[in-house]
Amino acid sequence: MKGGIVQMKTDRCFKTGVWGSIVAAICCATPVLVVGLGVIGLAAFTPYLDYFLFPLLGLFLILTFYGWVKQKRSG
């Protein structure tokens, strides 16, 4: 039973990493977030998005890699 729980946590880690990477990449590469911030009146924060989004993308890529390695080792 323990293997099943570990596998579920590993799958969740991998899926979270993948989806987080996709969302962060979309926000980094396209003006979706810039337009969205402009619409709600927070366009002043757009110059600082790179300081937040690139580390976030890196974090999600590391999480994806970690989940992938754990999947390969467990099964």
N, C-alpha and C. Protein backbone atom coordinates (compact mmCIF):
# COMPACT_ATOMS: atom_id res chain seq x y z
N MET A 1 0.83 -1.20 0.00
CA MET A 1 0.00 0.00 0.00
C MET A 1 0.86 1.25 0.00
N LYS A 2 2.03 1.18 0.65
CA LYS A 2 2.89 2.35 0.71
C LYS A 2 3.33 2.81 -0.68
N GLY A 3 3.63 1.84 -1.55
CA GLY A 3 4.06 2.19 -2.90
C GLY A 3 3.01 2.99 -3.66
N GLY A 4 1.74 2.66 -3.43
CA GLY A 4 0.67 3.38 -4.10
C GLY A 4 0.57 4.83 -3.65
N ILE A 5 0.76 5.06 -2.36
CA ILE A 5 0.71 6.42 -1.83
C ILE A 5 1.89 7.23 -2.34
N VAL A 6 3.07 6.63 -2.36
CA VAL A 6 4.25 7.32 -2.87
C VAL A 6 4.08 7.63 -4.34
N GLN A 7 3.52 6.69 -5.10
CA GLN A 7 3.30 6.91 -6.52
C GLN A 7 2.32 8.06 -6.75
N MET A 8 1.26 8.15 -5.94
CA MET A 8 0.29 9.24 -6.09
C MET A 8 0.95 10.58 -5.80
N LYS A 9 1.79 10.65 -4.76
CA LYS A 9 2.47 11.90 -4.44
C LYS A 9 3.45 12.28 -5.54
N THR A 10 4.13 11.28 -6.10
CA THR A 10 5.07 11.54 -7.19
C THR A 10 4.33 12.04 -8.42
N ASP A 11 3.19 11.41 -8.73
CA ASP A 11 2.39 11.87 -9.87
C ASP A 11 1.90 13.29 -9.65
N ARG A 12 1.48 13.60 -8.44
CA ARG A 12 0.99 14.95 -8.14
C ARG A 12 2.12 15.96 -8.28
N CYS A 13 3.30 15.60 -7.81
CA CYS A 13 4.46 16.48 -7.92
C CYS A 13 4.79 16.75 -9.39
N PHE A 14 4.80 15.69 -10.19
CA PHE A 14 5.11 15.83 -11.60
C PHE A 14 4.06 16.66 -12.33
N LYS A 15 2.78 16.36 -12.09
CA LYS A 15 1.71 17.09 -12.77
C LYS A 15 1.67 18.56 -12.36
N THR A 16 1.91 18.83 -11.08
CA THR A 16 1.96 20.22 -10.62
C THR A 16 3.10 20.96 -11.30
N GLY A 17 4.24 20.31 -11.40
CA GLY A 17 5.39 20.92 -12.06
C GLY A 17 5.13 21.21 -13.53
N VAL A 18 4.51 20.26 -14.21
CA VAL A 18 4.23 20.44 -15.64
C VAL A 18 3.24 21.58 -15.86
N TRP A 19 2.12 21.55 -15.14
CA TRP A 19 1.10 22.60 -15.33
C TRP A 19 1.62 23.97 -14.88
N GLY A 20 2.36 24.01 -13.81
CA GLY A 20 2.94 25.28 -13.36
C GLY A 20 3.92 25.83 -14.38
N SER A 21 4.73 24.95 -14.97
CA SER A 21 5.68 25.37 -16.00
C SER A 21 4.96 25.91 -17.22
N ILE A 22 3.88 25.26 -17.61
CA ILE A 22 3.12 25.72 -18.78
C ILE A 22 2.53 27.10 -18.52
N VAL A 23 1.90 27.28 -17.38
CA VAL A 23 1.29 28.58 -17.06
C VAL A 23 2.34 29.67 -16.95
N ALA A 24 3.45 29.39 -16.28
CA ALA A 24 4.51 30.38 -16.14
C ALA A 24 5.13 30.72 -17.49
N ALA A 25 5.31 29.72 -18.35
CA ALA A 25 5.87 29.98 -19.68
C ALA A 25 4.92 30.83 -20.52
N ILE A 26 3.63 30.56 -20.43
CA ILE A 26 2.66 31.37 -21.17
C ILE A 26 2.71 32.82 -20.69
N CYS A 27 2.79 33.00 -19.39
CA CYS A 27 2.85 34.36 -18.84
C CYS A 27 4.17 35.05 -19.17
N CYS A 28 5.25 34.29 -19.31
CA CYS A 28 6.55 34.88 -19.65
C CYS A 28 6.62 35.26 -21.14
N ALA A 29 6.09 34.40 -21.99
CA ALA A 29 6.29 34.56 -23.43
C ALA A 29 5.22 35.38 -24.13
N THR A 30 4.07 35.49 -23.56
CA THR A 30 2.99 36.23 -24.21
C THR A 30 2.55 37.39 -23.33
N PRO A 31 1.90 38.36 -23.92
CA PRO A 31 1.48 39.52 -23.13
C PRO A 31 0.17 39.31 -22.36
N VAL A 32 -0.18 38.06 -22.08
CA VAL A 32 -1.44 37.78 -21.39
C VAL A 32 -1.48 38.46 -20.03
N LEU A 33 -0.43 38.29 -19.26
CA LEU A 33 -0.40 38.86 -17.92
C LEU A 33 -0.31 40.38 -17.96
N VAL A 34 0.42 40.93 -18.92
CA VAL A 34 0.55 42.38 -19.04
C VAL A 34 -0.81 43.00 -19.36
N VAL A 35 -1.53 42.41 -20.29
CA VAL A 35 -2.86 42.91 -20.65
C VAL A 35 -3.80 42.76 -19.46
N GLY A 36 -3.74 41.61 -18.80
CA GLY A 36 -4.60 41.39 -17.64
C GLY A 36 -4.35 42.40 -16.53
N LEU A 37 -3.08 42.68 -16.25
CA LEU A 37 -2.77 43.68 -15.22
C LEU A 37 -3.22 45.08 -15.66
N GLY A 38 -3.09 45.37 -16.94
CA GLY A 38 -3.55 46.66 -17.44
C GLY A 38 -5.04 46.83 -17.32
N VAL A 39 -5.77 45.76 -17.55
CA VAL A 39 -7.23 45.83 -17.47
C VAL A 39 -7.70 46.11 -16.05
N ILE A 40 -7.02 45.50 -15.07
CA ILE A 40 -7.47 45.69 -13.68
C ILE A 40 -6.77 46.88 -13.01
N GLY A 41 -5.97 47.62 -13.77
CA GLY A 41 -5.37 48.84 -13.25
C GLY A 41 -4.06 48.66 -12.52
N LEU A 42 -3.40 47.56 -12.72
CA LEU A 42 -2.12 47.32 -12.05
C LEU A 42 -0.96 47.25 -13.04
N ALA A 43 -1.04 48.03 -14.09
CA ALA A 43 -0.02 48.01 -15.14
C ALA A 43 1.34 48.51 -14.64
N ALA A 44 1.37 49.20 -13.52
CA ALA A 44 2.64 49.68 -12.97
C ALA A 44 3.55 48.53 -12.53
N PHE A 45 2.99 47.35 -12.33
CA PHE A 45 3.78 46.20 -11.89
C PHE A 45 4.41 45.43 -13.05
N THR A 46 4.08 45.76 -14.29
CA THR A 46 4.59 44.99 -15.43
C THR A 46 6.11 45.02 -15.58
N PRO A 47 6.82 46.09 -15.24
CA PRO A 47 8.29 46.01 -15.37
C PRO A 47 8.93 45.01 -14.41
N TYR A 48 8.24 44.64 -13.37
CA TYR A 48 8.81 43.77 -12.36
C TYR A 48 8.38 42.31 -12.52
N LEU A 49 7.62 42.01 -13.55
CA LEU A 49 7.14 40.64 -13.73
C LEU A 49 8.27 39.64 -13.96
N ASP A 50 9.31 40.07 -14.67
CA ASP A 50 10.42 39.16 -14.94
C ASP A 50 11.12 38.72 -13.66
N TYR A 51 11.17 39.58 -12.66
CA TYR A 51 11.81 39.22 -11.39
C TYR A 51 11.01 38.15 -10.65
N PHE A 52 9.76 38.00 -10.98
CA PHE A 52 8.89 37.02 -10.34
C PHE A 52 8.67 35.79 -11.22
N LEU A 53 8.43 36.00 -12.52
CA LEU A 53 8.04 34.89 -13.37
C LEU A 53 9.18 33.95 -13.73
N PHE A 54 10.37 34.46 -13.99
CA PHE A 54 11.47 33.57 -14.35
C PHE A 54 11.90 32.66 -13.20
N PRO A 55 12.03 33.16 -11.98
CA PRO A 55 12.31 32.22 -10.88
C PRO A 55 11.17 31.23 -10.65
N LEU A 56 9.92 31.68 -10.85
CA LEU A 56 8.79 30.78 -10.70
C LEU A 56 8.82 29.68 -11.76
N LEU A 57 9.16 30.05 -12.99
CA LEU A 57 9.30 29.06 -14.05
C LEU A 57 10.41 28.08 -13.72
N GLY A 58 11.53 28.58 -13.22
CA GLY A 58 12.63 27.70 -12.82
C GLY A 58 12.22 26.74 -11.71
N LEU A 59 11.48 27.25 -10.74
CA LEU A 59 11.01 26.41 -9.64
C LEU A 59 10.11 25.29 -10.15
N PHE A 60 9.18 25.62 -11.05
CA PHE A 60 8.29 24.60 -11.59
C PHE A 60 9.03 23.60 -12.47
N LEU A 61 10.04 24.05 -13.20
CA LEU A 61 10.83 23.11 -14.01
C LEU A 61 11.62 22.16 -13.12
N ILE A 62 12.16 22.67 -12.02
CA ILE A 62 12.86 21.80 -11.06
C ILE A 62 11.89 20.81 -10.45
N LEU A 63 10.69 21.26 -10.11
CA LEU A 63 9.67 20.37 -9.55
C LEU A 63 9.27 19.29 -10.56
N THR A 64 9.16 19.66 -11.82
CA THR A 64 8.85 18.69 -12.87
C THR A 64 9.95 17.66 -12.99
N PHE A 65 11.20 18.11 -13.02
CA PHE A 65 12.33 17.19 -13.13
C PHE A 65 12.39 16.26 -11.92
N TYR A 66 12.17 16.81 -10.73
CA TYR A 66 12.18 16.00 -9.50
C TYR A 66 11.09 14.93 -9.55
N GLY A 67 9.88 15.29 -9.95
CA GLY A 67 8.79 14.33 -10.06
C GLY A 67 9.07 13.27 -11.11
N TRP A 68 9.69 13.67 -12.21
CA TRP A 68 10.02 12.73 -13.27
C TRP A 68 11.06 11.72 -12.80
N VAL A 69 12.09 12.20 -12.09
CA VAL A 69 13.14 11.31 -11.56
C VAL A 69 12.54 10.35 -10.54
N LYS A 70 11.68 10.85 -9.67
CA LYS A 70 11.04 9.98 -8.67
C LYS A 70 10.16 8.92 -9.33
N GLN A 71 9.49 9.27 -10.43
CA GLN A 71 8.68 8.30 -11.16
C GLN A 71 9.54 7.21 -11.76
N LYS A 72 10.66 7.61 -12.33
CA LYS A 72 11.56 6.63 -12.96
C LYS A 72 12.14 5.67 -11.92
N ARG A 73 12.45 6.17 -10.75
CA ARG A 73 13.04 5.33 -9.70
C ARG A 73 12.01 4.38 -9.08
N SER A 74 10.77 4.85 -8.95
CA SER A 74 9.78 4.04 -8.25
C SER A 74 9.11 2.99 -9.17
N GLY A 75 9.19 3.20 -10.43
CA GLY A 75 8.47 2.22 -11.23
C GLY A 75 9.03 2.05 -12.56
